Amino acid sequence: MVPAVLFDPAPFSSVEEADRAFLLSAGVWAALLGEEEPAEDGVGELLLPGERVRASCARLFGSGCTPSLATVMQQGVIFEYDPAGDAYHVPITGQIGLYEPRVGEIRKKGAKLYARVAYLSLDDFAAEGE
């Protein structure tokens, strides 16, 4: 769930109403943070297959989430999509974001899910680990 709240998205009632760029970014991050380590592309970046991004979108938001893969930019970092190779070239960087999301309570009301998320500054997050 962390990739879905990582950049504090606007609320949405259905995948169809959600911002397409947000869905794609969440899918990229879910694939990056998944259990399988991405390979390196030979020029110092990670190589993330498009199929993993599509699968991550479906896991996060349901089978109705079928993103059109494209280059993604978040906070000045570019995840370049190569349509010929159906893969993302992801720069290896130490940190992205100004805070760490912590997913707390998740409750279901009707057909909707509601999540309570705390956003810890990176200073707070580091102090928590001490």
N, C-alpha and C. Protein backbone atom coordinates (compact mmCIF):
# COMPACT_ATOMS: atom_id res chain seq x y z
N MET A 1 0.81 -1.20 0.00
CA MET A 1 0.00 0.00 0.00
C MET A 1 0.86 1.27 0.00
N VAL A 2 2.09 1.16 0.51
CA VAL A 2 2.95 2.34 0.58
C VAL A 2 3.12 3.03 -0.78
N PRO A 3 3.35 2.30 -1.89
CA PRO A 3 3.48 3.01 -3.17
C PRO A 3 2.24 3.82 -3.55
N ALA A 4 1.08 3.39 -3.07
CA ALA A 4 -0.17 4.09 -3.40
C ALA A 4 -0.31 5.40 -2.63
N VAL A 5 0.42 5.56 -1.54
CA VAL A 5 0.30 6.79 -0.74
C VAL A 5 1.62 7.56 -0.67
N LEU A 6 2.64 7.07 -1.33
CA LEU A 6 3.98 7.63 -1.22
C LEU A 6 4.03 9.13 -1.51
N PHE A 7 3.29 9.59 -2.51
CA PHE A 7 3.35 11.00 -2.88
C PHE A 7 2.04 11.72 -2.60
N ASP A 8 1.31 11.27 -1.57
CA ASP A 8 0.10 11.93 -1.07
C ASP A 8 -0.89 12.26 -2.18
N PRO A 9 -1.46 11.22 -2.80
CA PRO A 9 -2.36 11.46 -3.93
C PRO A 9 -3.69 12.09 -3.52
N ALA A 10 -4.33 12.69 -4.49
CA ALA A 10 -5.68 13.22 -4.27
C ALA A 10 -6.64 12.03 -4.08
N PRO A 11 -7.63 12.17 -3.21
CA PRO A 11 -8.60 11.08 -3.02
C PRO A 11 -9.34 10.76 -4.32
N PHE A 12 -9.70 9.49 -4.48
CA PHE A 12 -10.48 9.08 -5.64
C PHE A 12 -11.40 7.94 -5.24
N SER A 13 -12.54 7.86 -5.91
CA SER A 13 -13.55 6.84 -5.58
C SER A 13 -13.40 5.58 -6.40
N SER A 14 -12.78 5.69 -7.57
CA SER A 14 -12.60 4.51 -8.41
C SER A 14 -11.34 4.71 -9.25
N VAL A 15 -10.82 3.62 -9.77
CA VAL A 15 -9.63 3.69 -10.61
C VAL A 15 -9.90 4.58 -11.82
N GLU A 16 -11.10 4.54 -12.33
CA GLU A 16 -11.44 5.36 -13.49
C GLU A 16 -11.34 6.86 -13.19
N GLU A 17 -11.56 7.25 -11.93
CA GLU A 17 -11.51 8.66 -11.53
C GLU A 17 -10.10 9.11 -11.13
N ALA A 18 -9.21 8.16 -10.87
CA ALA A 18 -7.87 8.49 -10.38
C ALA A 18 -7.02 9.12 -11.48
N ASP A 19 -6.11 9.96 -11.07
CA ASP A 19 -5.16 10.58 -11.99
C ASP A 19 -4.28 9.48 -12.61
N ARG A 20 -4.23 9.45 -13.93
CA ARG A 20 -3.50 8.39 -14.65
C ARG A 20 -2.01 8.41 -14.33
N ALA A 21 -1.43 9.61 -14.21
CA ALA A 21 0.00 9.72 -13.88
C ALA A 21 0.27 9.16 -12.49
N PHE A 22 -0.65 9.41 -11.56
CA PHE A 22 -0.50 8.85 -10.21
C PHE A 22 -0.52 7.32 -10.25
N LEU A 23 -1.49 6.74 -10.97
CA LEU A 23 -1.58 5.28 -11.05
C LEU A 23 -0.30 4.68 -11.61
N LEU A 24 0.23 5.30 -12.65
CA LEU A 24 1.46 4.81 -13.26
C LEU A 24 2.64 4.93 -12.29
N SER A 25 2.77 6.07 -11.64
CA SER A 25 3.86 6.26 -10.67
C SER A 25 3.78 5.25 -9.54
N ALA A 26 2.58 5.03 -9.02
CA ALA A 26 2.41 4.04 -7.95
C ALA A 26 2.79 2.65 -8.43
N GLY A 27 2.44 2.32 -9.66
CA GLY A 27 2.80 1.02 -10.22
C GLY A 27 4.30 0.86 -10.37
N VAL A 28 4.98 1.92 -10.81
CA VAL A 28 6.44 1.88 -10.93
C VAL A 28 7.07 1.66 -9.55
N TRP A 29 6.61 2.43 -8.56
CA TRP A 29 7.18 2.29 -7.22
C TRP A 29 6.87 0.93 -6.60
N ALA A 30 5.67 0.43 -6.82
CA ALA A 30 5.33 -0.90 -6.30
C ALA A 30 6.24 -1.96 -6.91
N ALA A 31 6.52 -1.84 -8.19
CA ALA A 31 7.42 -2.79 -8.85
C ALA A 31 8.84 -2.66 -8.32
N LEU A 32 9.28 -1.43 -8.09
CA LEU A 32 10.63 -1.21 -7.55
C LEU A 32 10.78 -1.75 -6.14
N LEU A 33 9.74 -1.58 -5.33
CA LEU A 33 9.80 -1.99 -3.92
C LEU A 33 9.38 -3.44 -3.71
N GLY A 34 9.05 -4.13 -4.79
CA GLY A 34 8.61 -5.53 -4.71
C GLY A 34 9.72 -6.47 -4.27
N GLU A 35 9.37 -7.72 -4.17
CA GLU A 35 10.31 -8.72 -3.68
C GLU A 35 11.44 -9.01 -4.66
N GLU A 36 11.17 -8.89 -5.95
CA GLU A 36 12.17 -9.21 -6.96
C GLU A 36 13.04 -7.98 -7.25
N GLU A 37 14.34 -8.13 -7.07
CA GLU A 37 15.28 -7.05 -7.31
C GLU A 37 15.41 -6.78 -8.82
N PRO A 38 15.26 -5.52 -9.26
CA PRO A 38 15.44 -5.23 -10.69
C PRO A 38 16.89 -5.48 -11.12
N ALA A 39 17.07 -5.86 -12.37
CA ALA A 39 18.40 -6.06 -12.93
C ALA A 39 19.02 -4.70 -13.24
N GLU A 40 20.33 -4.67 -13.48
CA GLU A 40 20.97 -3.45 -13.93
C GLU A 40 21.02 -3.45 -15.45
N ASP A 41 21.00 -2.24 -16.04
CA ASP A 41 20.94 -2.14 -17.50
C ASP A 41 22.31 -2.04 -18.17
N GLY A 42 23.38 -2.10 -17.41
CA GLY A 42 24.72 -2.03 -17.99
C GLY A 42 25.30 -0.63 -18.06
N VAL A 43 24.48 0.39 -17.79
CA VAL A 43 24.98 1.77 -17.79
C VAL A 43 24.71 2.46 -16.45
N GLY A 44 24.56 1.67 -15.40
CA GLY A 44 24.43 2.23 -14.06
C GLY A 44 23.01 2.53 -13.62
N GLU A 45 22.02 2.03 -14.33
CA GLU A 45 20.64 2.22 -13.91
C GLU A 45 19.97 0.86 -13.75
N LEU A 46 18.85 0.86 -13.04
CA LEU A 46 18.07 -0.37 -12.90
C LEU A 46 17.18 -0.54 -14.11
N LEU A 47 16.92 -1.77 -14.48
CA LEU A 47 16.05 -2.08 -15.61
C LEU A 47 14.80 -2.75 -15.06
N LEU A 48 13.69 -2.08 -15.19
CA LEU A 48 12.42 -2.53 -14.63
C LEU A 48 11.46 -2.89 -15.76
N PRO A 49 11.16 -4.18 -15.93
CA PRO A 49 10.28 -4.60 -17.03
C PRO A 49 8.88 -3.98 -16.93
N GLY A 50 8.35 -3.58 -18.06
CA GLY A 50 7.01 -3.00 -18.11
C GLY A 50 5.95 -3.95 -17.57
N GLU A 51 6.13 -5.24 -17.79
CA GLU A 51 5.16 -6.22 -17.30
C GLU A 51 5.06 -6.19 -15.78
N ARG A 52 6.17 -5.96 -15.10
CA ARG A 52 6.14 -5.86 -13.63
C ARG A 52 5.36 -4.63 -13.19
N VAL A 53 5.49 -3.54 -13.93
CA VAL A 53 4.74 -2.32 -13.60
C VAL A 53 3.25 -2.55 -13.81
N ARG A 54 2.87 -3.17 -14.94
CA ARG A 54 1.45 -3.46 -15.19
C ARG A 54 0.89 -4.39 -14.11
N ALA A 55 1.66 -5.41 -13.73
CA ALA A 55 1.21 -6.36 -12.70
C ALA A 55 1.08 -5.65 -11.35
N SER A 56 2.00 -4.75 -11.05
CA SER A 56 1.93 -4.00 -9.78
C SER A 56 0.71 -3.10 -9.73
N CYS A 57 0.39 -2.45 -10.85
CA CYS A 57 -0.82 -1.61 -10.91
C CYS A 57 -2.06 -2.46 -10.64
N ALA A 58 -2.12 -3.62 -11.25
CA ALA A 58 -3.28 -4.50 -11.06
C ALA A 58 -3.37 -4.98 -9.61
N ARG A 59 -2.24 -5.29 -8.98
CA ARG A 59 -2.25 -5.73 -7.57
C ARG A 59 -2.71 -4.61 -6.66
N LEU A 60 -2.25 -3.38 -6.93
CA LEU A 60 -2.62 -2.24 -6.07
C LEU A 60 -4.06 -1.80 -6.25
N PHE A 61 -4.51 -1.73 -7.52
CA PHE A 61 -5.77 -1.06 -7.80
C PHE A 61 -6.81 -1.94 -8.48
N GLY A 62 -6.51 -3.22 -8.71
CA GLY A 62 -7.46 -4.12 -9.34
C GLY A 62 -7.19 -4.29 -10.83
N SER A 63 -7.81 -5.30 -11.38
CA SER A 63 -7.56 -5.65 -12.78
C SER A 63 -8.00 -4.56 -13.75
N GLY A 64 -8.81 -3.63 -13.31
CA GLY A 64 -9.24 -2.54 -14.17
C GLY A 64 -8.16 -1.48 -14.38
N CYS A 65 -7.07 -1.59 -13.64
CA CYS A 65 -5.97 -0.63 -13.78
C CYS A 65 -5.01 -1.14 -14.84
N THR A 66 -5.10 -0.58 -16.03
CA THR A 66 -4.23 -0.96 -17.14
C THR A 66 -3.56 0.31 -17.66
N PRO A 67 -2.43 0.67 -17.07
CA PRO A 67 -1.79 1.94 -17.42
C PRO A 67 -1.15 1.91 -18.80
N SER A 68 -1.11 3.07 -19.42
CA SER A 68 -0.32 3.26 -20.63
C SER A 68 1.07 3.65 -20.16
N LEU A 69 2.04 2.78 -20.37
CA LEU A 69 3.37 3.03 -19.85
C LEU A 69 4.02 4.19 -20.59
N ALA A 70 4.69 5.04 -19.82
CA ALA A 70 5.34 6.23 -20.35
C ALA A 70 6.41 6.66 -19.36
N THR A 71 7.28 7.56 -19.77
CA THR A 71 8.31 8.09 -18.88
C THR A 71 7.63 8.80 -17.70
N VAL A 72 8.19 8.59 -16.51
CA VAL A 72 7.65 9.15 -15.28
C VAL A 72 8.70 10.06 -14.66
N MET A 73 8.26 11.22 -14.17
CA MET A 73 9.17 12.11 -13.45
C MET A 73 8.56 12.44 -12.10
N GLN A 74 9.34 12.22 -11.05
CA GLN A 74 8.87 12.55 -9.71
C GLN A 74 9.99 13.24 -8.95
N GLN A 75 9.70 14.41 -8.47
CA GLN A 75 10.63 15.20 -7.69
C GLN A 75 12.00 15.30 -8.36
N GLY A 76 11.98 15.57 -9.66
CA GLY A 76 13.21 15.79 -10.40
C GLY A 76 13.94 14.53 -10.85
N VAL A 77 13.42 13.37 -10.53
CA VAL A 77 14.04 12.10 -10.94
C VAL A 77 13.22 11.52 -12.08
N ILE A 78 13.90 11.17 -13.18
CA ILE A 78 13.22 10.65 -14.36
C ILE A 78 13.38 9.14 -14.45
N PHE A 79 12.24 8.45 -14.58
CA PHE A 79 12.21 7.01 -14.83
C PHE A 79 11.85 6.88 -16.30
N GLU A 80 12.86 6.70 -17.13
CA GLU A 80 12.65 6.72 -18.58
C GLU A 80 12.11 5.38 -19.07
N TYR A 81 11.00 5.45 -19.80
CA TYR A 81 10.39 4.25 -20.37
C TYR A 81 10.89 4.04 -21.79
N ASP A 82 11.34 2.83 -22.08
CA ASP A 82 11.80 2.44 -23.41
C ASP A 82 10.76 1.51 -24.01
N PRO A 83 9.90 2.03 -24.92
CA PRO A 83 8.85 1.18 -25.48
C PRO A 83 9.39 0.01 -26.30
N ALA A 84 10.53 0.18 -26.95
CA ALA A 84 11.09 -0.92 -27.76
C ALA A 84 11.46 -2.11 -26.88
N GLY A 85 12.00 -1.82 -25.71
CA GLY A 85 12.37 -2.90 -24.78
C GLY A 85 11.31 -3.17 -23.72
N ASP A 86 10.21 -2.40 -23.75
CA ASP A 86 9.14 -2.50 -22.74
C ASP A 86 9.73 -2.54 -21.33
N ALA A 87 10.55 -1.51 -21.03
CA ALA A 87 11.19 -1.47 -19.72
C ALA A 87 11.50 -0.03 -19.32
N TYR A 88 11.61 0.18 -18.01
CA TYR A 88 12.01 1.46 -17.45
C TYR A 88 13.48 1.41 -17.11
N HIS A 89 14.17 2.52 -17.36
CA HIS A 89 15.54 2.71 -16.90
C HIS A 89 15.44 3.64 -15.70
N VAL A 90 15.80 3.13 -14.54
CA VAL A 90 15.60 3.83 -13.28
C VAL A 90 16.95 4.20 -12.68
N PRO A 91 17.20 5.51 -12.47
CA PRO A 91 18.48 5.89 -11.87
C PRO A 91 18.58 5.37 -10.44
N ILE A 92 19.78 5.00 -10.09
CA ILE A 92 20.03 4.54 -8.71
C ILE A 92 20.28 5.79 -7.88
N THR A 93 19.40 6.02 -6.93
CA THR A 93 19.49 7.22 -6.10
C THR A 93 19.26 6.83 -4.65
N GLY A 94 19.78 7.62 -3.75
CA GLY A 94 19.70 7.30 -2.34
C GLY A 94 18.33 7.51 -1.73
N GLN A 95 17.62 8.53 -2.20
CA GLN A 95 16.35 8.85 -1.54
C GLN A 95 15.50 9.69 -2.46
N ILE A 96 14.21 9.44 -2.40
CA ILE A 96 13.24 10.28 -3.10
C ILE A 96 12.14 10.57 -2.10
N GLY A 97 11.73 11.79 -2.05
CA GLY A 97 10.65 12.17 -1.16
C GLY A 97 11.17 12.89 0.07
N LEU A 98 10.28 13.64 0.68
CA LEU A 98 10.62 14.39 1.87
C LEU A 98 10.09 13.73 3.14
N TYR A 99 9.32 12.66 2.95
CA TYR A 99 8.72 11.99 4.09
C TYR A 99 8.54 10.51 3.78
N GLU A 100 8.26 9.75 4.81
CA GLU A 100 8.01 8.32 4.70
C GLU A 100 6.57 8.07 5.13
N PRO A 101 5.75 7.51 4.25
CA PRO A 101 4.36 7.23 4.65
C PRO A 101 4.28 5.99 5.51
N ARG A 102 3.41 6.03 6.50
CA ARG A 102 3.11 4.87 7.34
C ARG A 102 1.61 4.63 7.25
N VAL A 103 1.24 3.49 6.69
CA VAL A 103 -0.17 3.15 6.56
C VAL A 103 -0.64 2.59 7.89
N GLY A 104 -1.67 3.22 8.44
CA GLY A 104 -2.23 2.77 9.71
C GLY A 104 -3.50 1.98 9.48
N GLU A 105 -4.58 2.47 10.01
CA GLU A 105 -5.88 1.80 9.90
C GLU A 105 -6.39 1.79 8.46
N ILE A 106 -6.89 0.64 8.04
CA ILE A 106 -7.58 0.52 6.75
C ILE A 106 -8.96 -0.03 7.06
N ARG A 107 -9.99 0.67 6.60
CA ARG A 107 -11.34 0.17 6.84
C ARG A 107 -12.14 0.20 5.55
N LYS A 108 -13.11 -0.68 5.50
CA LYS A 108 -13.96 -0.77 4.32
C LYS A 108 -15.34 -0.27 4.69
N LYS A 109 -15.88 0.58 3.83
CA LYS A 109 -17.23 1.09 4.01
C LYS A 109 -17.92 0.95 2.67
N GLY A 110 -18.81 0.00 2.58
CA GLY A 110 -19.44 -0.31 1.30
C GLY A 110 -18.40 -0.89 0.36
N ALA A 111 -18.31 -0.34 -0.82
CA ALA A 111 -17.34 -0.83 -1.81
C ALA A 111 -16.03 -0.04 -1.76
N LYS A 112 -15.90 0.90 -0.82
CA LYS A 112 -14.73 1.76 -0.75
C LYS A 112 -13.81 1.37 0.40
N LEU A 113 -12.51 1.58 0.20
CA LEU A 113 -11.52 1.41 1.26
C LEU A 113 -11.04 2.77 1.70
N TYR A 114 -10.89 2.94 3.00
CA TYR A 114 -10.37 4.17 3.57
C TYR A 114 -9.12 3.83 4.35
N ALA A 115 -8.05 4.57 4.12
CA ALA A 115 -6.79 4.32 4.80
C ALA A 115 -6.37 5.56 5.58
N ARG A 116 -5.91 5.34 6.79
CA ARG A 116 -5.34 6.43 7.59
C ARG A 116 -3.83 6.33 7.41
N VAL A 117 -3.23 7.42 6.94
CA VAL A 117 -1.81 7.43 6.63
C VAL A 117 -1.13 8.54 7.41
N ALA A 118 -0.04 8.21 8.08
CA ALA A 118 0.79 9.21 8.74
C ALA A 118 2.00 9.45 7.85
N TYR A 119 2.37 10.70 7.66
CA TYR A 119 3.54 11.04 6.87
C TYR A 119 4.61 11.56 7.82
N LEU A 120 5.67 10.78 7.98
CA LEU A 120 6.77 11.15 8.86
C LEU A 120 7.85 11.85 8.05
N SER A 121 8.33 12.99 8.58
CA SER A 121 9.47 13.61 7.91
C SER A 121 10.64 12.65 7.99
N LEU A 122 11.58 12.77 7.09
CA LEU A 122 12.71 11.85 7.11
C LEU A 122 13.50 11.97 8.40
N ASP A 123 13.51 13.16 9.01
CA ASP A 123 14.17 13.33 10.32
C ASP A 123 13.45 12.53 11.38
N ASP A 124 12.09 12.58 11.39
CA ASP A 124 11.31 11.81 12.34
C ASP A 124 11.51 10.32 12.12
N PHE A 125 11.53 9.93 10.85
CA PHE A 125 11.69 8.52 10.49
C PHE A 125 13.04 8.00 10.98
N ALA A 126 14.10 8.80 10.79
CA ALA A 126 15.44 8.40 11.24
C ALA A 126 15.48 8.31 12.76
N ALA A 127 14.85 9.27 13.47
CA ALA A 127 14.85 9.25 14.92
C ALA A 127 14.08 8.05 15.46
N GLU A 128 13.04 7.64 14.74
CA GLU A 128 12.24 6.49 15.16
C GLU A 128 13.08 5.22 15.20
N GLY A 129 14.06 5.11 14.30
CA GLY A 129 14.90 3.92 14.21
C GLY A 129 16.02 3.91 15.24
N GLU A 130 16.23 5.01 15.96
CA GLU A 130 17.31 5.08 16.95
C GLU A 130 16.92 4.42 18.23
